[in-house]
Protein backbone atom coordinates (compact mmCIF):
# COMPACT_ATOMS: atom_id res chain seq x y z
CA UNK A 1 0.00 0.00 0.00
CA UNK A 2 2.71 2.62 0.76
CA UNK A 3 4.35 1.94 -2.61
CA UNK A 4 0.96 2.36 -4.32
CA UNK A 5 0.48 5.71 -2.59
CA UNK A 6 3.96 6.80 -3.64
CA UNK A 7 3.17 5.86 -7.22
CA UNK A 8 0.58 8.62 -7.36
CA UNK A 9 2.86 11.36 -6.03
CA UNK A 10 4.17 12.24 -9.53
CA UNK A 11 0.57 12.70 -10.63
CA UNK A 12 -0.09 15.03 -7.70
CA UNK A 13 3.07 17.00 -8.46
CA UNK A 14 2.36 17.43 -12.15
CA UNK A 15 -1.35 18.16 -11.78
CA UNK A 16 -0.79 20.81 -9.10
CA UNK A 17 1.42 22.73 -11.52
CA UNK A 18 -1.09 22.38 -14.34
CA UNK A 19 -3.92 23.44 -12.02
CA UNK A 20 -2.14 26.74 -11.26
CA UNK A 21 -1.67 27.47 -14.94
CA UNK A 22 -5.32 26.99 -15.91
CA UNK A 23 -6.67 28.64 -12.75
CA UNK A 24 -4.84 31.86 -13.59
CA UNK A 25 -6.64 32.06 -16.93
CA UNK A 26 -10.08 32.55 -15.31
CA UNK A 27 -9.51 33.60 -11.70
CA UNK A 28 -8.35 37.05 -12.86
CA UNK A 29 -11.72 37.85 -14.48
CA UNK A 30 -13.38 38.43 -11.11
CA UNK A 31 -10.45 40.35 -9.64
CA UNK A 32 -9.67 42.69 -12.54
CA UNK A 33 -12.43 45.28 -11.86
CA UNK A 34 -11.09 45.73 -8.32
CA UNK A 35 -7.48 45.78 -9.56
CA UNK A 36 -8.41 48.45 -12.10
CA UNK A 37 -9.90 50.69 -9.40
CA UNK A 38 -7.07 50.26 -6.89
CA UNK A 39 -4.27 50.71 -9.43
CA UNK A 40 -6.12 53.35 -11.50
CA UNK A 41 -5.64 51.21 -14.60
CA UNK A 42 -6.84 52.30 -18.02
CA UNK A 43 -9.07 50.06 -20.13
CA UNK A 44 -6.03 49.04 -22.18
CA UNK A 45 -4.14 48.19 -19.00
CA UNK A 46 -7.03 46.06 -17.75
CA UNK A 47 -7.14 44.21 -21.07
CA UNK A 48 -3.40 43.47 -20.92
CA UNK A 49 -3.68 42.27 -17.32
CA UNK A 50 -6.33 39.80 -18.47
CA UNK A 51 -5.10 38.80 -21.93
CA UNK A 52 -1.31 39.22 -21.75
CA UNK A 53 -0.95 36.01 -19.76
CA UNK A 54 -3.03 34.01 -22.24
CA UNK A 55 -1.18 35.42 -25.25
CA UNK A 56 2.26 34.46 -23.92
CA UNK A 57 1.02 31.06 -22.74
CA UNK A 58 -0.45 30.19 -26.13
CA UNK A 59 2.43 31.65 -28.12
CA UNK A 60 5.28 29.90 -26.31
CA UNK A 61 3.80 26.43 -25.77
CA UNK A 62 5.62 24.89 -28.73
CA UNK A 63 8.86 26.56 -27.60
CA UNK A 64 8.36 25.04 -24.15
CA UNK A 65 7.80 21.62 -25.71
CA UNK A 66 10.93 21.89 -27.86
CA UNK A 67 13.01 22.96 -24.86
CA UNK A 68 11.66 20.04 -22.83
CA UNK A 69 12.61 17.53 -25.52
CA UNK A 70 16.10 19.04 -25.80
CA UNK A 71 16.98 19.81 -22.17
CA UNK A 72 14.81 17.26 -20.35
CA UNK A 73 11.13 17.68 -19.53
CA UNK A 74 11.59 17.56 -15.76
CA UNK A 75 14.24 20.28 -15.87
CA UNK A 76 12.09 22.60 -18.02
CA UNK A 77 8.92 21.82 -16.03
CA UNK A 78 10.65 22.75 -12.76
CA UNK A 79 12.09 25.91 -14.30
CA UNK A 80 8.58 26.84 -15.41
CA UNK A 81 7.11 26.24 -11.93
CA UNK A 82 9.85 28.34 -10.33
CA UNK A 83 9.37 31.17 -12.83
CA UNK A 84 5.59 31.03 -12.49
CA UNK A 85 5.76 31.15 -8.69
CA UNK A 86 8.19 34.08 -8.59
CA UNK A 87 6.11 35.95 -11.16
CA UNK A 88 2.96 35.32 -9.09
CA UNK A 89 4.69 36.91 -6.08
CA UNK A 90 5.61 39.88 -8.27
CA UNK A 91 1.97 40.18 -9.40
CA UNK A 92 0.81 40.22 -5.79
CA UNK A 93 3.32 42.96 -4.86
CA UNK A 94 2.72 45.06 -7.98
CA UNK A 95 2.71 48.80 -7.14
CA UNK A 96 1.18 49.82 -10.46
CA UNK A 97 -0.42 48.68 -13.70
CA UNK A 98 2.75 48.51 -15.84
CA UNK A 99 4.54 46.38 -13.24
CA UNK A 100 1.56 44.02 -13.01
CA UNK A 101 1.30 43.65 -16.79
CA UNK A 102 4.99 42.72 -17.10
CA UNK A 103 4.69 40.25 -14.20
CA UNK A 104 1.66 38.65 -15.88
CA UNK A 105 3.63 38.26 -19.12
CA UNK A 106 6.44 36.51 -17.22
CA UNK A 107 3.84 34.35 -15.47
CA UNK A 108 2.54 33.32 -18.90
CA UNK A 109 6.06 32.36 -19.97
CA UNK A 110 6.41 30.14 -16.91
CA UNK A 111 3.06 28.55 -17.72
CA UNK A 112 4.21 27.82 -21.28
CA UNK A 113 7.15 25.85 -19.85
CA UNK A 114 4.91 23.93 -17.42
CA UNK A 115 2.13 22.68 -19.70
CA UNK A 116 4.04 20.67 -22.36
CA UNK A 117 6.24 19.03 -19.74
CA UNK A 118 3.22 18.03 -17.65
CA UNK A 119 1.91 15.50 -20.16
CA UNK A 120 5.40 14.31 -21.11
CA UNK A 121 6.23 13.66 -17.44
CA UNK A 122 2.99 11.72 -16.91
CA UNK A 123 3.78 9.56 -19.94
CA UNK A 124 7.27 8.99 -18.53
CA UNK A 125 6.08 8.28 -14.96
CA UNK A 126 3.26 5.88 -15.93
CA UNK A 127 4.46 3.63 -18.78
CA UNK A 128 1.75 1.03 -18.09
CA UNK A 129 -1.29 1.82 -20.24
CA UNK A 130 -4.02 1.56 -17.58
CA UNK A 131 -2.15 3.73 -15.07
CA UNK A 132 -1.31 6.24 -17.79
CA UNK A 133 -4.97 6.46 -18.83
CA UNK A 134 -6.01 7.25 -15.24
CA UNK A 135 -3.23 9.83 -14.97
CA UNK A 136 -4.25 11.51 -18.22
CA UNK A 137 -7.85 11.52 -17.04
CA UNK A 138 -7.05 13.31 -13.80
CA UNK A 139 -4.74 15.72 -15.64
CA UNK A 140 -7.63 16.61 -17.93
CA UNK A 141 -9.99 17.06 -15.00
CA UNK A 142 -7.67 19.73 -13.62
CA UNK A 143 -8.35 21.93 -16.64
CA UNK A 144 -12.13 21.85 -16.29
CA UNK A 145 -12.07 22.22 -12.52
CA UNK A 146 -9.53 25.06 -12.51
CA UNK A 147 -11.15 26.97 -15.38
CA UNK A 148 -14.66 26.75 -13.98
CA UNK A 149 -13.69 27.17 -10.32
CA UNK A 150 -11.66 30.30 -11.10
CA UNK A 151 -14.60 32.73 -10.80
CA UNK A 152 -15.77 31.06 -7.57
CA UNK A 153 -12.34 31.09 -5.94
CA UNK A 154 -11.61 34.58 -7.25
CA UNK A 155 -14.86 35.89 -5.85
CA UNK A 156 -14.12 34.39 -2.42
CA UNK A 157 -10.57 35.76 -2.30
CA UNK A 158 -11.41 39.24 -3.57
CA UNK A 159 -14.37 39.63 -1.22
CA UNK A 160 -12.48 38.40 1.87
CA UNK A 161 -8.71 38.80 1.62
CA UNK A 162 -8.26 41.20 -1.31
CA UNK A 163 -7.20 40.86 -4.95
CA UNK A 164 -3.50 40.30 -4.20
CA UNK A 165 -4.39 36.88 -2.74
CA UNK A 166 -5.52 35.79 -6.20
CA UNK A 167 -1.77 35.60 -6.95
CA UNK A 168 -0.41 34.82 -3.47
CA UNK A 169 -2.33 31.54 -3.39
CA UNK A 170 0.03 30.28 -6.12
CA UNK A 171 3.08 30.50 -3.83
CA UNK A 172 2.42 27.50 -1.54
CA UNK A 173 1.07 25.46 -4.46
CA UNK A 174 4.13 26.25 -6.57
CA UNK A 175 6.52 25.44 -3.72
CA UNK A 176 4.79 22.10 -3.07
CA UNK A 177 4.75 21.27 -6.79
CA UNK A 178 8.47 21.99 -7.14
CA UNK A 179 9.39 19.96 -4.04
CA UNK A 180 7.30 16.94 -5.05
CA UNK A 181 8.57 16.99 -8.62
CA UNK A 182 12.24 17.13 -7.64
CA UNK A 183 11.81 14.34 -5.07
CA UNK A 184 9.42 11.95 -6.78
CA UNK A 185 9.60 12.46 -10.56
CA UNK A 186 12.51 10.80 -12.35
CA UNK A 187 14.95 12.82 -14.41
CA UNK A 188 14.03 13.06 -18.08
CA UNK A 189 16.49 12.21 -20.85
CA UNK A 190 18.23 15.12 -22.55
CA UNK A 191 18.56 15.08 -26.31
CA UNK A 192 21.39 17.42 -27.18
CA UNK A 193 21.08 16.52 -30.86
CA UNK A 194 17.69 18.28 -30.97
CA UNK A 195 18.71 21.80 -31.94
CA UNK A 196 16.29 24.59 -31.03
CA UNK A 197 15.25 25.99 -34.41
CA UNK A 198 15.02 29.68 -33.52
CA UNK A 199 13.45 30.93 -36.79
CA UNK A 200 10.73 28.26 -36.57
CA UNK A 201 10.06 29.12 -32.92
CA UNK A 202 9.77 32.83 -33.74
CA UNK A 203 7.34 32.05 -36.55
CA UNK A 204 5.09 29.85 -34.41
CA UNK A 205 5.13 32.32 -31.50
CA UNK A 206 4.06 35.06 -33.91
CA UNK A 207 1.36 32.88 -35.51
CA UNK A 208 -0.25 31.76 -32.26
CA UNK A 209 0.07 35.12 -30.50
CA UNK A 210 -1.38 37.01 -33.48
CA UNK A 211 -4.22 34.53 -33.86
CA UNK A 212 -5.07 34.60 -30.15
CA UNK A 213 -4.91 38.42 -30.05
CA UNK A 214 -7.12 38.70 -33.14
CA UNK A 215 -9.67 36.30 -31.68
CA UNK A 216 -9.72 38.16 -28.37
CA UNK A 217 -10.28 41.47 -30.18
CA UNK A 218 -12.95 39.96 -32.46
CA UNK A 219 -15.20 39.48 -29.44
CA UNK A 220 -14.93 43.22 -28.66
CA UNK A 221 -14.54 44.89 -32.09
CA UNK A 222 -16.34 42.49 -34.42
CA UNK A 223 -14.95 40.17 -37.09
CA UNK A 224 -14.85 42.82 -39.82
CA UNK A 225 -12.65 45.25 -37.85
CA UNK A 226 -9.42 46.07 -39.78
CA UNK A 227 -7.21 45.24 -36.79
CA UNK A 228 -8.84 41.82 -36.43
CA UNK A 229 -8.53 41.06 -40.14
CA UNK A 230 -4.89 42.21 -40.18
CA UNK A 231 -4.11 40.02 -37.16
CA UNK A 232 -5.71 36.98 -38.78
CA UNK A 233 -3.87 37.58 -42.05
CA UNK A 234 -0.50 37.98 -40.34
CA UNK A 235 -1.17 34.84 -38.30
CA UNK A 236 -1.73 32.87 -41.52
CA UNK A 237 1.49 34.24 -43.03
CA UNK A 238 3.44 33.35 -39.88
CA UNK A 239 2.00 29.82 -39.89
CA UNK A 240 3.02 29.42 -43.54
CA UNK A 241 6.53 30.62 -42.69
CA UNK A 242 6.69 28.05 -39.86
CA UNK A 243 5.58 25.23 -42.17
CA UNK A 244 8.15 26.22 -44.79
CA UNK A 245 10.93 26.42 -42.21
CA UNK A 246 10.01 23.04 -40.74
CA UNK A 247 10.08 21.49 -44.20
CA UNK A 248 13.61 22.81 -44.80
CA UNK A 249 15.07 22.42 -41.28
CA UNK A 250 17.59 19.65 -40.62
CA UNK A 251 16.17 19.02 -37.12
CA UNK A 252 12.59 20.39 -37.11
CA UNK A 253 10.82 21.22 -33.85
CA UNK A 254 7.79 19.24 -35.02
CA UNK A 255 8.37 17.08 -38.10
CA UNK A 256 5.64 17.48 -40.70
CA UNK A 257 5.42 13.69 -40.91
CA UNK A 258 4.08 13.71 -37.35
CA UNK A 259 1.50 16.34 -38.22
CA UNK A 260 0.34 14.14 -41.09
CA UNK A 261 -0.24 11.32 -38.60
CA UNK A 262 -3.96 10.62 -38.44
CA UNK A 263 -3.88 10.06 -34.68
CA UNK A 264 -1.73 13.05 -33.75
CA UNK A 265 -3.19 15.61 -36.16
CA UNK A 266 -6.75 14.39 -35.68
CA UNK A 267 -6.40 14.21 -31.90
CA UNK A 268 -5.16 17.80 -31.83
CA UNK A 269 -8.13 18.89 -33.95
CA UNK A 270 -10.51 17.15 -31.54
CA UNK A 271 -8.90 19.09 -28.69
CA UNK A 272 -9.54 22.34 -30.54
CA UNK A 273 -13.19 21.46 -31.15
CA UNK A 274 -14.13 20.39 -27.64
CA UNK A 275 -12.36 23.36 -26.06
CA UNK A 276 -14.26 25.57 -28.50
CA UNK A 277 -17.54 24.08 -27.31
CA UNK A 278 -16.82 23.92 -23.58
CA UNK A 279 -15.16 27.31 -23.01
CA UNK A 280 -17.61 29.00 -25.34
CA UNK A 281 -20.37 27.58 -23.15
CA UNK A 282 -18.66 28.69 -19.90
CA UNK A 283 -18.08 32.21 -21.25
CA UNK A 284 -21.60 32.78 -22.57
CA UNK A 285 -23.15 31.17 -19.49
CA UNK A 286 -21.10 33.48 -17.24
CA UNK A 287 -22.39 36.52 -19.11
CA UNK A 288 -25.95 35.18 -19.01
CA UNK A 289 -25.83 34.64 -15.24
CA UNK A 290 -24.20 37.98 -14.41
CA UNK A 291 -25.71 40.38 -16.96
CA UNK A 292 -29.18 38.93 -17.49
CA UNK A 293 -29.93 37.26 -14.19
CA UNK A 294 -28.02 39.64 -11.92
CA UNK A 295 -25.87 36.99 -10.21
CA UNK A 296 -22.78 38.12 -8.34
CA UNK A 297 -19.35 36.79 -9.29
CA UNK A 298 -19.60 34.29 -6.46
CA UNK A 299 -23.13 33.35 -7.47
CA UNK A 300 -21.99 32.82 -11.05
CA UNK A 301 -19.25 30.48 -9.88
CA UNK A 302 -21.81 28.49 -7.89
CA UNK A 303 -24.20 28.45 -10.86
CA UNK A 304 -21.47 26.94 -13.05
CA UNK A 305 -20.58 24.34 -10.43
CA UNK A 306 -22.67 21.52 -11.98
CA UNK A 307 -20.43 21.59 -15.06
CA UNK A 308 -17.32 21.58 -12.84
CA UNK A 309 -18.50 18.77 -10.60
CA UNK A 310 -18.87 16.44 -13.56
CA UNK A 311 -15.31 16.86 -14.82
CA UNK A 312 -13.54 14.97 -12.03
CA UNK A 313 -16.06 12.12 -12.02
CA UNK A 314 -15.99 11.76 -15.81
CA UNK A 315 -12.18 11.76 -15.99
CA UNK A 316 -11.80 9.07 -13.34
CA UNK A 317 -14.49 6.94 -14.98
CA UNK A 318 -13.06 7.26 -18.48
CA UNK A 319 -9.59 6.39 -17.20
CA UNK A 320 -10.96 3.16 -15.74
CA UNK A 321 -13.16 2.24 -18.69
CA UNK A 322 -10.46 2.77 -21.31
CA UNK A 323 -8.76 -0.47 -20.21
CA UNK A 324 -11.86 -2.41 -21.27
CA UNK A 325 -13.25 -0.43 -24.19
CA UNK A 326 -10.30 1.45 -25.68
CA UNK A 327 -10.37 5.18 -26.29
CA UNK A 328 -12.54 5.51 -29.40
CA UNK A 329 -15.95 4.68 -27.83
CA UNK A 330 -15.27 7.01 -24.91
CA UNK A 331 -14.29 9.97 -27.08
CA UNK A 332 -17.26 9.51 -29.42
CA UNK A 333 -19.82 9.03 -26.63
CA UNK A 334 -18.41 11.96 -24.66
CA UNK A 335 -18.66 14.30 -27.64
CA UNK A 336 -22.20 13.16 -28.45
CA UNK A 337 -23.31 13.69 -24.84
CA UNK A 338 -21.77 17.17 -24.76
CA UNK A 339 -23.47 18.02 -28.07
CA UNK A 340 -26.78 16.86 -26.63
CA UNK A 341 -26.21 19.08 -23.58
CA UNK A 342 -25.62 22.27 -25.58
CA UNK A 343 -28.48 21.46 -27.93
CA UNK A 344 -30.67 20.99 -24.85
CA UNK A 345 -29.72 24.47 -23.60
CA UNK A 346 -30.62 25.94 -27.02
CA UNK A 347 -33.96 24.13 -26.96
CA UNK A 348 -34.82 25.34 -23.45
CA UNK A 349 -36.24 28.62 -24.75
CA UNK A 350 -35.44 32.33 -24.67
CA UNK A 351 -35.48 32.75 -20.89
CA UNK A 352 -35.32 29.32 -19.26
CA UNK A 353 -35.34 28.77 -15.52
CA UNK A 354 -31.94 27.94 -14.05
CA UNK A 355 -33.15 24.44 -13.15
CA UNK A 356 -33.65 23.74 -16.87
CA UNK A 357 -29.98 24.51 -17.53
CA UNK A 358 -28.44 22.26 -14.89
CA UNK A 359 -28.63 19.04 -16.91
CA UNK A 360 -27.29 20.64 -20.12
CA UNK A 361 -24.30 22.06 -18.20
CA UNK A 362 -23.68 18.71 -16.51
CA UNK A 363 -23.82 16.92 -19.88
CA UNK A 364 -21.34 19.36 -21.44
CA UNK A 365 -18.92 19.13 -18.51
CA UNK A 366 -19.16 15.35 -18.28
CA UNK A 367 -18.89 14.74 -22.02
CA UNK A 368 -15.90 17.03 -22.51
CA UNK A 369 -13.94 15.52 -19.66
CA UNK A 370 -14.99 11.99 -20.62
CA UNK A 371 -13.50 12.50 -24.09
CA UNK A 372 -10.37 14.35 -22.97
CA UNK A 373 -8.63 11.27 -21.57
CA UNK A 374 -8.87 9.32 -24.81
CA UNK A 375 -7.92 12.22 -27.05
CA UNK A 376 -4.90 12.99 -24.85
CA UNK A 377 -3.80 9.35 -24.97
CA UNK A 378 -4.27 9.33 -28.76
CA UNK A 379 -2.00 12.34 -29.29
CA UNK A 380 0.69 11.24 -26.84
CA UNK A 381 0.60 7.64 -28.08
CA UNK A 382 1.18 8.76 -31.67
CA UNK A 383 4.43 10.61 -30.88
CA UNK A 384 7.80 8.92 -30.36
CA UNK A 385 9.38 9.58 -26.92
CA UNK A 386 11.86 12.04 -28.43
CA UNK A 387 8.94 14.29 -29.41
CA UNK A 388 6.73 13.86 -26.33
CA UNK A 389 7.13 17.50 -25.31
CA UNK A 390 6.41 18.76 -28.82
CA UNK A 391 3.30 16.56 -29.12
CA UNK A 392 2.02 17.79 -25.76
CA UNK A 393 2.69 21.37 -26.82
CA UNK A 394 0.82 20.92 -30.10
CA UNK A 395 -2.20 19.41 -28.33
CA UNK A 396 -2.36 22.20 -25.78
CA UNK A 397 -1.78 24.91 -28.38
CA UNK A 398 -4.75 23.74 -30.45
CA UNK A 399 -6.84 23.60 -27.27
CA UNK A 400 -5.87 27.19 -26.43
CA UNK A 401 -6.86 28.28 -29.93
CA UNK A 402 -10.17 26.46 -29.54
CA UNK A 403 -10.85 28.23 -26.23
CA UNK A 404 -10.01 31.66 -27.68
CA UNK A 405 -12.18 31.02 -30.74
CA UNK A 406 -15.13 29.84 -28.65
CA UNK A 407 -14.95 32.89 -26.38
CA UNK A 408 -14.50 35.31 -29.30
CA UNK A 409 -17.38 33.87 -31.30
CA UNK A 410 -19.61 33.76 -28.24
CA UNK A 411 -18.90 37.42 -27.52
CA UNK A 412 -19.56 38.40 -31.13
CA UNK A 413 -22.86 36.52 -31.24
CA UNK A 414 -24.09 38.09 -28.01
CA UNK A 415 -23.12 41.56 -29.25
CA UNK A 416 -24.73 41.22 -32.69
CA UNK A 417 -27.87 39.19 -31.91
CA UNK A 418 -31.29 40.86 -31.91
CA UNK A 419 -31.85 39.65 -28.35
CA UNK A 420 -29.52 38.28 -25.69
CA UNK A 421 -31.47 35.03 -25.57
CA UNK A 422 -31.17 34.41 -29.30
CA UNK A 423 -27.43 35.05 -29.14
CA UNK A 424 -27.05 32.49 -26.34
CA UNK A 425 -29.06 29.87 -28.25
CA UNK A 426 -27.08 30.41 -31.46
CA UNK A 427 -23.80 30.11 -29.55
CA UNK A 428 -24.93 26.87 -27.94
CA UNK A 429 -26.02 25.38 -31.27
CA UNK A 430 -22.65 26.20 -32.84
CA UNK A 431 -20.92 24.60 -29.84
CA UNK A 432 -23.09 21.50 -30.27
CA UNK A 433 -22.07 21.34 -33.94
CA UNK A 434 -18.39 21.51 -32.93
CA UNK A 435 -18.91 18.58 -30.56
CA UNK A 436 -20.62 16.58 -33.32
CA UNK A 437 -17.71 17.31 -35.68
CA UNK A 438 -15.31 16.07 -32.98
CA UNK A 439 -17.30 12.85 -32.63
CA UNK A 440 -17.10 12.22 -36.39
CA UNK A 441 -13.39 12.99 -36.39
CA UNK A 442 -12.83 10.60 -33.48
CA UNK A 443 -14.39 7.78 -35.50
CA UNK A 444 -11.66 8.32 -38.08
CA UNK A 445 -8.54 9.15 -36.04
CA UNK A 446 -8.83 7.68 -32.52
CA UNK A 447 -7.46 4.12 -32.65
CA UNK A 448 -9.68 1.24 -31.63
CA UNK A 449 -8.47 -0.82 -28.70
CA UNK A 450 -6.99 -3.48 -30.92
CA UNK A 451 -4.92 -0.86 -32.77
CA UNK A 452 -3.43 0.76 -29.67
CA UNK A 453 0.18 0.22 -28.82
CA UNK A 454 2.12 1.46 -25.85
CA UNK A 455 4.87 3.89 -26.79
CA UNK A 456 8.37 2.76 -26.13
């Protein structure tokens, strides 16, 4: 029994780091109005406090994955945790807006080093397929729990201890994560032959950052705004430059042959689609509860709790079932259930009672988390060990893009719809369509149980 308990310590270490990263995406939304008042921040400053972290996180994920593969994933993961924790302390002590914005950017850089290494370290720590499936399931649950619990925790901290505790809470978590990782997670191999292709990294950072920034602005300005269109166009050009560089590079950061893999490329696309559906739902639901129903930030967090509560249960269950069924049935059924949930919200009417929305939210939360384990295993199983960090980075980058797109489209639909209720219903129907597309894609790219093989 003691050895069995020790075997789960790496999971605790890795998931605590990942939890911090995702929590800081949403917990700031409740605190930023108070921060703006106390620091006399402009609207632009408030936007950078909120979005700067996400931009750097999304933009540098592939760089973090490449560094992990070259220098060792444990080394880069620990460096990311240390940087994230120090930056969180700086955020908490910020005397003004400019200082806080810079600290948030550094925090995002630390997060970009943490996320790719988290999956690579789980794959390294749990080579046996059943244990790895459970670990991936709990890792995925952290995202849903942290993202949805952010408003609730933020509301509690801001209303009791003050906004600086939104960042100070990361200090003990970061210290515990670093200690557990150094003591209980094995060193990762270093691959000095994997050169860091700087031009390719610059191109991908530009592509993802420009795309994320354009999507964030689309929700505020509209899709036809010149700045949004310019950002999208430059993002496409940067992506084309990355693809060209990878084709010509002697040691590419992410070989194009891997991207052409049905399992890896398709699994990453599924991640984009279900993040689009889930985070679009969370965003539009938050606006519905606060702006239309008059809920407080804390009340909104409690209203979203049914979706959060399902994530942990679904991840644990899918991790256990995957040993018997394989990943494909779980991913397909999870996506279909989530699609049914969002379609049920859309069918509930223009101004449904909250009780009518509980089951749709539970279905979306359960289905997304139920499918995440299998899609994660599909992506990581398709990559050779030498590219575990890069595969993890690709998967999480596409998920970040899906989240940003879902939020941006949801904001645009609410702003342009004739009524708030019609905008919500349209957003939910589009989210349901994304889930259905993910289910169809899973039928094609997620291996059946008989086709699965454990990576060396």
